[in-house]
Amino acid sequence: MITCHQSDYLEIACLYRIPVSLAWGDGREVVGVPRDTGYNDQREECLLMQIDDHERWIVLEGVASMTALQENKHFDRVEFG
């Protein structure tokens, strides 16, 4: 589960359109630009990401970290869980 403090970093990434890499413990990785946060029909917390030319809702269940791919004053890496 993502805490309120950690969720703030997701919102910052969306607000400033900071390219990020999301990583899960099983080795899965998603790279893109966050656009919005929300919930899917199953009430799972998600992040809407621009990946190449498509927008896609990414379920955040089990996400281990978010790494900024562009220098910014807000964060370099956020650990979840």
PDB file of N, CA and C in Angstrom:
ATOM      1  N   MET A   1       0.846  -1.182   0.000  1.00  0.00           N
ATOM      2  CA  MET A   1       0.000   0.000   0.000  1.00  0.00           C
ATOM      3  C   MET A   1       0.891   1.245   0.000  1.00  0.00           C
ATOM      4  N   ILE A   2       0.489   2.222  -0.747  1.00  0.00           N
ATOM      5  CA  ILE A   2       1.233   3.465  -0.864  1.00  0.00           C
ATOM      6  C   ILE A   2       0.727   4.444   0.187  1.00  0.00           C
ATOM      7  N   THR A   3       1.657   5.029   0.950  1.00  0.00           N
ATOM      8  CA  THR A   3       1.287   5.972   1.998  1.00  0.00           C
ATOM      9  C   THR A   3       0.940   7.334   1.380  1.00  0.00           C
ATOM     10  N   CYS A   4       0.344   8.194   2.180  1.00  0.00           N
ATOM     11  CA  CYS A   4       0.007   9.550   1.713  1.00  0.00           C
ATOM     12  C   CYS A   4       1.275  10.302   1.321  1.00  0.00           C
ATOM     13  N   HIS A   5       2.324  10.152   2.128  1.00  0.00           N
ATOM     14  CA  HIS A   5       3.590  10.827   1.839  1.00  0.00           C
ATOM     15  C   HIS A   5       4.153  10.361   0.498  1.00  0.00           C
ATOM     16  N   GLN A   6       4.117   9.062   0.242  1.00  0.00           N
ATOM     17  CA  GLN A   6       4.619   8.521  -1.020  1.00  0.00           C
ATOM     18  C   GLN A   6       3.728   8.953  -2.175  1.00  0.00           C
ATOM     19  N   SER A   7       2.438   9.015  -1.926  1.00  0.00           N
ATOM     20  CA  SER A   7       1.491   9.437  -2.959  1.00  0.00           C
ATOM     21  C   SER A   7       1.765  10.870  -3.401  1.00  0.00           C
ATOM     22  N   ASP A   8       2.262  11.690  -2.480  1.00  0.00           N
ATOM     23  CA  ASP A   8       2.630  13.063  -2.832  1.00  0.00           C
ATOM     24  C   ASP A   8       3.656  13.090  -3.957  1.00  0.00           C
ATOM     25  N   TYR A   9       4.614  12.163  -3.930  1.00  0.00           N
ATOM     26  CA  TYR A   9       5.630  12.107  -4.981  1.00  0.00           C
ATOM     27  C   TYR A   9       5.031  11.721  -6.328  1.00  0.00           C
ATOM     28  N   LEU A  10       4.020  10.855  -6.316  1.00  0.00           N
ATOM     29  CA  LEU A  10       3.327  10.517  -7.557  1.00  0.00           C
ATOM     30  C   LEU A  10       2.648  11.758  -8.127  1.00  0.00           C
ATOM     31  N   GLU A  11       2.015  12.535  -7.252  1.00  0.00           N
ATOM     32  CA  GLU A  11       1.341  13.765  -7.681  1.00  0.00           C
ATOM     33  C   GLU A  11       2.350  14.781  -8.230  1.00  0.00           C
ATOM     34  N   ILE A  12       3.509  14.892  -7.577  1.00  0.00           N
ATOM     35  CA  ILE A  12       4.560  15.806  -8.047  1.00  0.00           C
ATOM     36  C   ILE A  12       5.031  15.393  -9.432  1.00  0.00           C
ATOM     37  N   ALA A  13       5.236  14.094  -9.620  1.00  0.00           N
ATOM     38  CA  ALA A  13       5.676  13.597 -10.930  1.00  0.00           C
ATOM     39  C   ALA A  13       4.648  13.935 -12.005  1.00  0.00           C
ATOM     40  N   CYS A  14       3.356  13.845 -11.669  1.00  0.00           N
ATOM     41  CA  CYS A  14       2.297  14.196 -12.614  1.00  0.00           C
ATOM     42  C   CYS A  14       2.285  15.700 -12.884  1.00  0.00           C
ATOM     43  N   LEU A  15       2.355  16.483 -11.834  1.00  0.00           N
ATOM     44  CA  LEU A  15       2.272  17.935 -11.950  1.00  0.00           C
ATOM     45  C   LEU A  15       3.385  18.501 -12.830  1.00  0.00           C
ATOM     46  N   TYR A  16       4.604  18.006 -12.617  1.00  0.00           N
ATOM     47  CA  TYR A  16       5.753  18.537 -13.349  1.00  0.00           C
ATOM     48  C   TYR A  16       6.139  17.692 -14.570  1.00  0.00           C
ATOM     49  N   ARG A  17       5.343  16.643 -14.842  1.00  0.00           N
ATOM     50  CA  ARG A  17       5.580  15.779 -16.009  1.00  0.00           C
ATOM     51  C   ARG A  17       7.021  15.267 -16.032  1.00  0.00           C
ATOM     52  N   ILE A  18       7.456  14.757 -14.881  1.00  0.00           N
ATOM     53  CA  ILE A  18       8.814  14.230 -14.738  1.00  0.00           C
ATOM     54  C   ILE A  18       8.844  12.794 -15.263  1.00  0.00           C
ATOM     55  N   PRO A  19       9.625  12.501 -16.288  1.00  0.00           N
ATOM     56  CA  PRO A  19       9.735  11.120 -16.761  1.00  0.00           C
ATOM     57  C   PRO A  19      10.265  10.229 -15.640  1.00  0.00           C
ATOM     58  N   VAL A  20       9.642   9.062 -15.473  1.00  0.00           N
ATOM     59  CA  VAL A  20      10.024   8.163 -14.394  1.00  0.00           C
ATOM     60  C   VAL A  20      10.115   6.721 -14.876  1.00  0.00           C
ATOM     61  N   SER A  21      10.780   5.949 -14.058  1.00  0.00           N
ATOM     62  CA  SER A  21      10.807   4.503 -14.209  1.00  0.00           C
ATOM     63  C   SER A  21      10.184   3.920 -12.953  1.00  0.00           C
ATOM     64  N   LEU A  22       9.137   3.123 -13.121  1.00  0.00           N
ATOM     65  CA  LEU A  22       8.522   2.409 -12.007  1.00  0.00           C
ATOM     66  C   LEU A  22       9.055   0.989 -12.026  1.00  0.00           C
ATOM     67  N   ALA A  23       9.443   0.459 -10.850  1.00  0.00           N
ATOM     68  CA  ALA A  23       9.995  -0.892 -10.785  1.00  0.00           C
ATOM     69  C   ALA A  23       9.272  -1.708  -9.713  1.00  0.00           C
ATOM     70  N   TRP A  24       9.047  -2.973 -10.021  1.00  0.00           N
ATOM     71  CA  TRP A  24       8.432  -3.918  -9.103  1.00  0.00           C
ATOM     72  C   TRP A  24       9.475  -4.940  -8.685  1.00  0.00           C
ATOM     73  N   GLY A  25       9.250  -5.592  -7.573  1.00  0.00           N
ATOM     74  CA  GLY A  25      10.173  -6.585  -7.045  1.00  0.00           C
ATOM     75  C   GLY A  25      10.383  -7.782  -7.952  1.00  0.00           C
ATOM     76  N   ASP A  26       9.427  -8.057  -8.837  1.00  0.00           N
ATOM     77  CA  ASP A  26       9.548  -9.210  -9.738  1.00  0.00           C
ATOM     78  C   ASP A  26      10.343  -8.884 -11.003  1.00  0.00           C
ATOM     79  N   GLY A  27      10.901  -7.658 -11.068  1.00  0.00           N
ATOM     80  CA  GLY A  27      11.709  -7.272 -12.222  1.00  0.00           C
ATOM     81  C   GLY A  27      10.971  -6.485 -13.285  1.00  0.00           C
ATOM     82  N   ARG A  28       9.661  -6.376 -13.158  1.00  0.00           N
ATOM     83  CA  ARG A  28       8.886  -5.604 -14.128  1.00  0.00           C
ATOM     84  C   ARG A  28       9.238  -4.132 -14.004  1.00  0.00           C
ATOM     85  N   GLU A  29       9.261  -3.426 -15.127  1.00  0.00           N
ATOM     86  CA  GLU A  29       9.573  -2.006 -15.138  1.00  0.00           C
ATOM     87  C   GLU A  29       8.709  -1.315 -16.180  1.00  0.00           C
ATOM     88  N   VAL A  30       8.225  -0.124 -15.841  1.00  0.00           N
ATOM     89  CA  VAL A  30       7.450   0.698 -16.764  1.00  0.00           C
ATOM     90  C   VAL A  30       8.098   2.076 -16.794  1.00  0.00           C
ATOM     91  N   VAL A  31       8.362   2.574 -18.000  1.00  0.00           N
ATOM     92  CA  VAL A  31       8.992   3.879 -18.179  1.00  0.00           C
ATOM     93  C   VAL A  31       8.037   4.781 -18.950  1.00  0.00           C
ATOM     94  N   GLY A  32       7.850   6.001 -18.441  1.00  0.00           N
ATOM     95  CA  GLY A  32       6.981   6.947 -19.120  1.00  0.00           C
ATOM     96  C   GLY A  32       6.850   8.235 -18.347  1.00  0.00           C
ATOM     97  N   VAL A  33       5.883   9.042 -18.765  1.00  0.00           N
ATOM     98  CA  VAL A  33       5.630  10.335 -18.129  1.00  0.00           C
ATOM     99  C   VAL A  33       4.276  10.267 -17.426  1.00  0.00           C
ATOM    100  N   PRO A  34       4.260  10.428 -16.111  1.00  0.00           N
ATOM    101  CA  PRO A  34       2.999  10.393 -15.362  1.00  0.00           C
ATOM    102  C   PRO A  34       2.090  11.559 -15.738  1.00  0.00           C
ATOM    103  N   ARG A  35       0.811  11.278 -15.861  1.00  0.00           N
ATOM    104  CA  ARG A  35      -0.178  12.295 -16.222  1.00  0.00           C
ATOM    105  C   ARG A  35      -1.212  12.533 -15.123  1.00  0.00           C
ATOM    106  N   ASP A  36      -1.610  11.458 -14.423  1.00  0.00           N
ATOM    107  CA  ASP A  36      -2.677  11.589 -13.432  1.00  0.00           C
ATOM    108  C   ASP A  36      -2.676  10.365 -12.530  1.00  0.00           C
ATOM    109  N   THR A  37      -3.306  10.497 -11.367  1.00  0.00           N
ATOM    110  CA  THR A  37      -3.515   9.355 -10.481  1.00  0.00           C
ATOM    111  C   THR A  37      -5.001   9.059 -10.445  1.00  0.00           C
ATOM    112  N   GLY A  38      -5.349   7.834 -10.108  1.00  0.00           N
ATOM    113  CA  GLY A  38      -6.755   7.478 -10.034  1.00  0.00           C
ATOM    114  C   GLY A  38      -6.928   6.022  -9.673  1.00  0.00           C
ATOM    115  N   TYR A  39      -8.149   5.538  -9.825  1.00  0.00           N
ATOM    116  CA  TYR A  39      -8.494   4.158  -9.506  1.00  0.00           C
ATOM    117  C   TYR A  39      -9.182   3.524 -10.704  1.00  0.00           C
ATOM    118  N   ASN A  40      -8.911   2.243 -10.916  1.00  0.00           N
ATOM    119  CA  ASN A  40      -9.594   1.532 -11.994  1.00  0.00           C
ATOM    120  C   ASN A  40     -10.930   0.989 -11.479  1.00  0.00           C
ATOM    121  N   ASP A  41     -11.624   0.224 -12.307  1.00  0.00           N
ATOM    122  CA  ASP A  41     -12.935  -0.316 -11.940  1.00  0.00           C
ATOM    123  C   ASP A  41     -12.871  -1.273 -10.761  1.00  0.00           C
ATOM    124  N   GLN A  42     -11.712  -1.858 -10.520  1.00  0.00           N
ATOM    125  CA  GLN A  42     -11.517  -2.782  -9.394  1.00  0.00           C
ATOM    126  C   GLN A  42     -11.058  -2.041  -8.134  1.00  0.00           C
ATOM    127  N   ARG A  43     -11.050  -0.704  -8.187  1.00  0.00           N
ATOM    128  CA  ARG A  43     -10.646   0.177  -7.087  1.00  0.00           C
ATOM    129  C   ARG A  43      -9.172   0.004  -6.713  1.00  0.00           C
ATOM    130  N   GLU A  44      -8.348  -0.313  -7.727  1.00  0.00           N
ATOM    131  CA  GLU A  44      -6.908  -0.408  -7.530  1.00  0.00           C
ATOM    132  C   GLU A  44      -6.294   0.960  -7.830  1.00  0.00           C
ATOM    133  N   GLU A  45      -5.354   1.379  -6.988  1.00  0.00           N
ATOM    134  CA  GLU A  45      -4.683   2.653  -7.208  1.00  0.00           C
ATOM    135  C   GLU A  45      -3.831   2.559  -8.469  1.00  0.00           C
ATOM    136  N   CYS A  46      -3.959   3.563  -9.343  1.00  0.00           N
ATOM    137  CA  CYS A  46      -3.280   3.547 -10.637  1.00  0.00           C
ATOM    138  C   CYS A  46      -2.616   4.885 -10.936  1.00  0.00           C
ATOM    139  N   LEU A  47      -1.702   4.828 -11.885  1.00  0.00           N
ATOM    140  CA  LEU A  47      -1.046   6.022 -12.392  1.00  0.00           C
ATOM    141  C   LEU A  47      -1.232   6.033 -13.905  1.00  0.00           C
ATOM    142  N   LEU A  48      -1.819   7.103 -14.421  1.00  0.00           N
ATOM    143  CA  LEU A  48      -1.965   7.254 -15.865  1.00  0.00           C
ATOM    144  C   LEU A  48      -0.626   7.731 -16.402  1.00  0.00           C
ATOM    145  N   MET A  49      -0.032   6.964 -17.310  1.00  0.00           N
ATOM    146  CA  MET A  49       1.276   7.309 -17.844  1.00  0.00           C
ATOM    147  C   MET A  49       1.250   7.408 -19.357  1.00  0.00           C
ATOM    148  N   GLN A  50       1.983   8.381 -19.852  1.00  0.00           N
ATOM    149  CA  GLN A  50       2.222   8.512 -21.290  1.00  0.00           C
ATOM    150  C   GLN A  50       3.414   7.617 -21.597  1.00  0.00           C
ATOM    151  N   ILE A  51       3.185   6.570 -22.366  1.00  0.00           N
ATOM    152  CA  ILE A  51       4.230   5.628 -22.747  1.00  0.00           C
ATOM    153  C   ILE A  51       4.292   5.647 -24.268  1.00  0.00           C
ATOM    154  N   ASP A  52       5.395   6.168 -24.787  1.00  0.00           N
ATOM    155  CA  ASP A  52       5.515   6.408 -26.223  1.00  0.00           C
ATOM    156  C   ASP A  52       4.357   7.307 -26.655  1.00  0.00           C
ATOM    157  N   ASP A  53       3.528   6.861 -27.567  1.00  0.00           N
ATOM    158  CA  ASP A  53       2.418   7.689 -28.058  1.00  0.00           C
ATOM    159  C   ASP A  53       1.068   7.310 -27.446  1.00  0.00           C
ATOM    160  N   HIS A  54       1.088   6.524 -26.371  1.00  0.00           N
ATOM    161  CA  HIS A  54      -0.159   6.040 -25.785  1.00  0.00           C
ATOM    162  C   HIS A  54      -0.235   6.391 -24.300  1.00  0.00           C
ATOM    163  N   GLU A  55      -1.457   6.625 -23.821  1.00  0.00           N
ATOM    164  CA  GLU A  55      -1.690   6.769 -22.393  1.00  0.00           C
ATOM    165  C   GLU A  55      -2.204   5.440 -21.866  1.00  0.00           C
ATOM    166  N   ARG A  56      -1.704   5.053 -20.689  1.00  0.00           N
ATOM    167  CA  ARG A  56      -2.062   3.747 -20.133  1.00  0.00           C
ATOM    168  C   ARG A  56      -2.157   3.852 -18.613  1.00  0.00           C
ATOM    169  N   TRP A  57      -3.198   3.270 -18.028  1.00  0.00           N
ATOM    170  CA  TRP A  57      -3.332   3.207 -16.577  1.00  0.00           C
ATOM    171  C   TRP A  57      -2.469   2.066 -16.061  1.00  0.00           C
ATOM    172  N   ILE A  58      -1.567   2.372 -15.157  1.00  0.00           N
ATOM    173  CA  ILE A  58      -0.661   1.385 -14.570  1.00  0.00           C
ATOM    174  C   ILE A  58      -1.095   1.125 -13.134  1.00  0.00           C
ATOM    175  N   VAL A  59      -1.400  -0.135 -12.813  1.00  0.00           N
ATOM    176  CA  VAL A  59      -1.777  -0.508 -11.449  1.00  0.00           C
ATOM    177  C   VAL A  59      -0.517  -0.455 -10.585  1.00  0.00           C
ATOM    178  N   LEU A  60      -0.604   0.240  -9.457  1.00  0.00           N
ATOM    179  CA  LEU A  60       0.561   0.455  -8.605  1.00  0.00           C
ATOM    180  C   LEU A  60       0.739  -0.600  -7.525  1.00  0.00           C
ATOM    181  N   GLU A  61      -0.132  -1.581  -7.464  1.00  0.00           N
ATOM    182  CA  GLU A  61      -0.024  -2.652  -6.476  1.00  0.00           C
ATOM    183  C   GLU A  61       1.351  -3.307  -6.558  1.00  0.00           C
ATOM    184  N   GLY A  62       2.066  -3.306  -5.453  1.00  0.00           N
ATOM    185  CA  GLY A  62       3.358  -3.978  -5.391  1.00  0.00           C
ATOM    186  C   GLY A  62       4.525  -3.197  -5.958  1.00  0.00           C
ATOM    187  N   VAL A  63       4.314  -1.947  -6.396  1.00  0.00           N
ATOM    188  CA  VAL A  63       5.420  -1.172  -6.946  1.00  0.00           C
ATOM    189  C   VAL A  63       6.470  -0.981  -5.848  1.00  0.00           C
ATOM    190  N   ALA A  64       7.737  -1.153  -6.205  1.00  0.00           N
ATOM    191  CA  ALA A  64       8.827  -1.069  -5.232  1.00  0.00           C
ATOM    192  C   ALA A  64       9.498   0.302  -5.223  1.00  0.00           C
ATOM    193  N   SER A  65       9.615   0.922  -6.402  1.00  0.00           N
ATOM    194  CA  SER A  65      10.307   2.220  -6.458  1.00  0.00           C
ATOM    195  C   SER A  65       9.895   3.021  -7.684  1.00  0.00           C
ATOM    196  N   MET A  66      10.144   4.325  -7.590  1.00  0.00           N
ATOM    197  CA  MET A  66       9.962   5.240  -8.705  1.00  0.00           C
ATOM    198  C   MET A  66      11.238   6.067  -8.801  1.00  0.00           C
ATOM    199  N   THR A  67      11.855   6.042  -9.969  1.00  0.00           N
ATOM    200  CA  THR A  67      13.102   6.770 -10.192  1.00  0.00           C
ATOM    201  C   THR A  67      12.878   7.851 -11.234  1.00  0.00           C
ATOM    202  N   ALA A  68      13.282   9.088 -10.910  1.00  0.00           N
ATOM    203  CA  ALA A  68      13.174  10.192 -11.864  1.00  0.00           C
ATOM    204  C   ALA A  68      14.225  10.011 -12.949  1.00  0.00           C
ATOM    205  N   LEU A  69      13.825  10.162 -14.200  1.00  0.00           N
ATOM    206  CA  LEU A  69      14.732  10.022 -15.331  1.00  0.00           C
ATOM    207  C   LEU A  69      15.193  11.377 -15.851  1.00  0.00           C
ATOM    208  N   GLN A  70      14.787  12.416 -15.155  1.00  0.00           N
ATOM    209  CA  GLN A  70      15.159  13.784 -15.507  1.00  0.00           C
ATOM    210  C   GLN A  70      15.490  14.496 -14.197  1.00  0.00           C
ATOM    211  N   GLU A  71      16.577  15.222 -14.178  1.00  0.00           N
ATOM    212  CA  GLU A  71      16.955  15.940 -12.974  1.00  0.00           C
ATOM    213  C   GLU A  71      15.856  16.928 -12.600  1.00  0.00           C
ATOM    214  N   ASN A  72      15.535  16.960 -11.317  1.00  0.00           N
ATOM    215  CA  ASN A  72      14.517  17.874 -10.809  1.00  0.00           C
ATOM    216  C   ASN A  72      14.812  18.151  -9.343  1.00  0.00           C
ATOM    217  N   LYS A  73      14.170  19.158  -8.772  1.00  0.00           N
ATOM    218  CA  LYS A  73      14.440  19.536  -7.393  1.00  0.00           C
ATOM    219  C   LYS A  73      13.549  18.811  -6.382  1.00  0.00           C
ATOM    220  N   HIS A  74      12.692  17.901  -6.836  1.00  0.00           N
ATOM    221  CA  HIS A  74      11.705  17.282  -5.969  1.00  0.00           C
ATOM    222  C   HIS A  74      12.101  15.893  -5.459  1.00  0.00           C
ATOM    223  N   PHE A  75      12.627  15.051  -6.322  1.00  0.00           N
ATOM    224  CA  PHE A  75      13.025  13.704  -5.903  1.00  0.00           C
ATOM    225  C   PHE A  75      13.942  13.084  -6.952  1.00  0.00           C
ATOM    226  N   ASP A  76      14.743  12.113  -6.487  1.00  0.00           N
ATOM    227  CA  ASP A  76      15.566  11.292  -7.390  1.00  0.00           C
ATOM    228  C   ASP A  76      14.970   9.897  -7.470  1.00  0.00           C
ATOM    229  N   ARG A  77      14.692   9.345  -6.280  1.00  0.00           N
ATOM    230  CA  ARG A  77      14.148   7.988  -6.190  1.00  0.00           C
ATOM    231  C   ARG A  77      13.257   7.918  -4.963  1.00  0.00           C
ATOM    232  N   VAL A  78      12.110   7.267  -5.132  1.00  0.00           N
ATOM    233  CA  VAL A  78      11.164   7.057  -4.032  1.00  0.00           C
ATOM    234  C   VAL A  78      10.991   5.558  -3.863  1.00  0.00           C
ATOM    235  N   GLU A  79      11.175   5.087  -2.639  1.00  0.00           N
ATOM    236  CA  GLU A  79      10.973   3.670  -2.312  1.00  0.00           C
ATOM    237  C   GLU A  79       9.574   3.496  -1.751  1.00  0.00           C
ATOM    238  N   PHE A  80       8.857   2.481  -2.223  1.00  0.00           N
ATOM    239  CA  PHE A  80       7.518   2.183  -1.755  1.00  0.00           C
ATOM    240  C   PHE A  80       7.528   0.876  -0.951  1.00  0.00           C
ATOM    241  N   GLY A  81       6.469   0.661  -0.163  1.00  0.00           N
ATOM    242  CA  GLY A  81       6.310  -0.612   0.518  1.00  0.00           C
ATOM    243  C   GLY A  81       6.994  -0.800   1.792  1.00  0.00           C
TER     244      GLY A  81
END
